[in-house]
Amino acid sequence: MRTLILAAALLGSAPCLAGPFPTAETWSVTVQDDILDRMSVQSVLTVRRMDDRVRFTLDCVVSGPAARTDSRTSAWGTASIAGDVVNGIVEGGQDVLQLPDRTFTLTLGRKFGTWASNVPGCTQKAGFLRDAVVDGIQAIDSVRRGRD
């Protein structure tokens, strides 16, 4: 009976272990959103697995001629990974009034992915092609953007 329970627990965790996300302790994803060659938003999500929880940092930079000056946003919080989806909720950041309780969702398929976020100063919505994983770092280039 114990073997069946253990097998069920391992099978239940298989989508996360066999999913598209690196199984390394720390990995990161970069989503670049180029807006009409006048401005770009680069969002770098770094995920760290820690014992029984998952933590993240999100660092974003808005730059380009239309932005006039570079704008930076940094946030951190907790995340959950289920299959090919990472969901995160911001607990804190440089702006203590606007950032807490903001969220993001990253979905990675084998070739394509999506990003959605309501964190100010970060990429809001993007679809992208995946690049290869190199040393636990997943690089992603945005190929189309979608704004509501």
Protein backbone atom coordinates (compact mmCIF):
# COMPACT_ATOMS: atom_id res chain seq x y z
CA MET A 1 0.00 0.00 0.00
CA ARG A 2 2.81 2.44 0.81
CA THR A 3 4.39 1.74 -2.58
CA LEU A 4 1.17 2.69 -4.38
CA ILE A 5 0.93 5.95 -2.46
CA LEU A 6 4.55 6.80 -3.25
CA ALA A 7 4.06 5.89 -6.92
CA ALA A 8 0.98 8.09 -7.11
CA ALA A 9 2.90 10.98 -5.53
CA LEU A 10 5.76 10.58 -8.01
CA LEU A 11 3.40 10.38 -10.97
CA GLY A 12 1.62 13.46 -9.71
CA SER A 13 4.88 15.40 -9.69
CA ALA A 14 6.00 14.13 -13.09
CA PRO A 15 4.54 17.01 -15.16
CA CYS A 16 6.66 19.48 -13.23
CA LEU A 17 9.78 17.36 -13.42
CA ALA A 18 9.29 16.40 -17.05
CA GLY A 19 7.82 19.74 -18.11
CA PRO A 20 9.48 22.42 -20.23
CA PHE A 21 11.08 24.28 -17.31
CA PRO A 22 14.66 23.60 -16.26
CA THR A 23 14.90 21.46 -13.14
CA ALA A 24 17.97 23.37 -11.90
CA GLU A 25 17.76 25.09 -8.54
CA THR A 26 17.97 28.52 -10.22
CA TRP A 27 17.04 29.46 -13.79
CA SER A 28 15.91 32.58 -15.62
CA VAL A 29 13.82 33.67 -18.58
CA THR A 30 14.18 36.88 -20.58
CA VAL A 31 11.20 38.30 -22.49
CA GLN A 32 12.05 41.19 -24.84
CA ASP A 33 9.17 43.33 -26.11
CA ASP A 34 10.18 45.71 -28.93
CA ILE A 35 7.59 48.40 -29.59
CA LEU A 36 7.81 49.91 -33.09
CA ASP A 37 11.61 50.20 -32.88
CA ARG A 38 11.16 53.18 -30.58
CA MET A 39 11.08 51.52 -27.21
CA SER A 40 11.78 48.13 -25.71
CA VAL A 41 10.76 46.44 -22.50
CA GLN A 42 13.01 43.68 -21.23
CA SER A 43 11.68 41.51 -18.41
CA VAL A 44 14.03 39.06 -16.70
CA LEU A 45 12.37 36.48 -14.48
CA THR A 46 14.71 34.50 -12.21
CA VAL A 47 13.21 31.50 -10.44
CA ARG A 48 14.83 29.79 -7.47
CA ARG A 49 13.61 26.54 -5.96
CA MET A 50 14.10 26.61 -2.18
CA ASP A 51 13.27 23.52 -0.12
CA ASP A 52 9.46 23.45 -0.14
CA ARG A 53 8.78 26.70 -2.02
CA VAL A 54 9.61 28.61 -5.18
CA ARG A 55 10.79 32.23 -5.06
CA PHE A 56 11.30 34.67 -7.93
CA THR A 57 12.77 38.03 -8.79
CA LEU A 58 11.51 40.07 -11.73
CA ASP A 59 13.75 42.82 -13.11
CA CYS A 60 12.44 44.98 -15.95
CA VAL A 61 13.92 47.82 -18.00
CA VAL A 62 12.05 50.14 -20.37
CA SER A 63 14.49 51.84 -22.77
CA GLY A 64 14.77 53.50 -26.17
CA PRO A 65 14.30 56.93 -27.77
CA ALA A 66 10.57 57.06 -27.00
CA ALA A 67 11.20 56.25 -23.34
CA ARG A 68 13.57 59.27 -23.01
CA THR A 69 15.33 57.69 -20.01
CA ASP A 70 15.63 54.11 -18.88
CA SER A 71 13.06 53.07 -16.33
CA ARG A 72 13.73 50.12 -14.04
CA THR A 73 11.38 47.97 -11.99
CA SER A 74 12.39 45.25 -9.54
CA ALA A 75 10.03 42.93 -7.69
CA TRP A 76 10.14 39.63 -5.81
CA GLY A 77 7.72 37.10 -4.43
CA THR A 78 6.49 33.52 -4.50
CA ALA A 79 5.72 31.38 -7.52
CA SER A 80 4.14 28.05 -8.30
CA ILE A 81 5.09 25.72 -11.14
CA ALA A 82 2.54 23.30 -12.57
CA GLY A 83 3.37 21.51 -15.81
CA ASP A 84 4.24 24.18 -18.36
CA VAL A 85 2.93 27.17 -16.35
CA VAL A 86 4.63 29.40 -13.77
CA ASN A 87 2.37 31.74 -11.81
CA GLY A 88 3.81 34.36 -9.50
CA ILE A 89 2.52 36.93 -7.06
CA VAL A 90 4.61 39.93 -6.07
CA GLU A 91 5.26 40.33 -2.35
CA GLY A 92 7.54 43.36 -2.52
CA GLY A 93 9.75 45.53 -4.64
CA GLN A 94 11.17 48.99 -5.01
CA ASP A 95 7.67 50.49 -5.18
CA VAL A 96 5.91 49.34 -2.01
CA LEU A 97 2.60 50.93 -3.02
CA GLN A 98 2.13 49.63 -6.58
CA LEU A 99 3.95 46.30 -6.71
CA PRO A 100 2.55 44.01 -3.97
CA ASP A 101 -0.16 41.59 -5.17
CA ARG A 102 0.67 42.11 -8.87
CA THR A 103 0.91 38.86 -10.83
CA PHE A 104 2.51 37.21 -13.84
CA THR A 105 1.94 34.00 -15.78
CA LEU A 106 4.59 32.35 -17.96
CA THR A 107 3.58 29.41 -20.16
CA LEU A 108 6.21 27.47 -22.09
CA GLY A 109 5.39 24.98 -24.79
CA ARG A 110 8.06 23.07 -26.67
CA LYS A 111 8.48 25.81 -29.32
CA PHE A 112 6.25 28.69 -28.27
CA GLY A 113 5.40 30.48 -25.06
CA THR A 114 3.26 33.26 -23.66
CA TRP A 115 3.83 35.89 -21.01
CA ALA A 116 1.16 37.94 -19.22
CA SER A 117 1.75 40.36 -16.36
CA ASN A 118 0.17 43.33 -14.63
CA VAL A 119 3.45 44.46 -13.05
CA PRO A 120 4.01 48.14 -13.98
CA GLY A 121 7.16 48.72 -16.04
CA CYS A 122 7.37 45.09 -17.20
CA THR A 123 6.26 43.36 -20.39
CA GLN A 124 2.48 43.12 -20.14
CA LYS A 125 1.63 40.54 -22.78
CA ALA A 126 3.79 38.69 -25.31
CA GLY A 127 3.96 35.57 -27.42
CA PHE A 128 7.40 34.26 -28.32
CA LEU A 129 9.54 31.51 -29.79
CA ARG A 130 11.78 29.58 -27.43
CA ASP A 131 15.54 29.52 -27.75
CA ALA A 132 17.61 26.66 -26.42
CA VAL A 133 18.46 26.12 -22.76
CA VAL A 134 22.16 26.73 -22.10
CA ASP A 135 23.57 25.97 -18.64
CA GLY A 136 20.14 26.17 -17.04
CA ILE A 137 19.39 29.59 -18.53
CA GLN A 138 16.41 29.84 -20.85
CA ALA A 139 16.66 32.72 -23.32
CA ILE A 140 13.47 33.84 -25.02
CA ASP A 141 12.98 36.41 -27.76
CA SER A 142 9.59 38.01 -28.25
CA VAL A 143 8.33 37.70 -31.81
CA ARG A 144 4.96 39.32 -31.47
CA ARG A 145 3.41 41.46 -28.86
CA GLY A 146 -0.16 41.85 -27.79
CA ARG A 147 -1.48 44.75 -25.82
CA ASP A 148 -5.03 45.04 -24.61
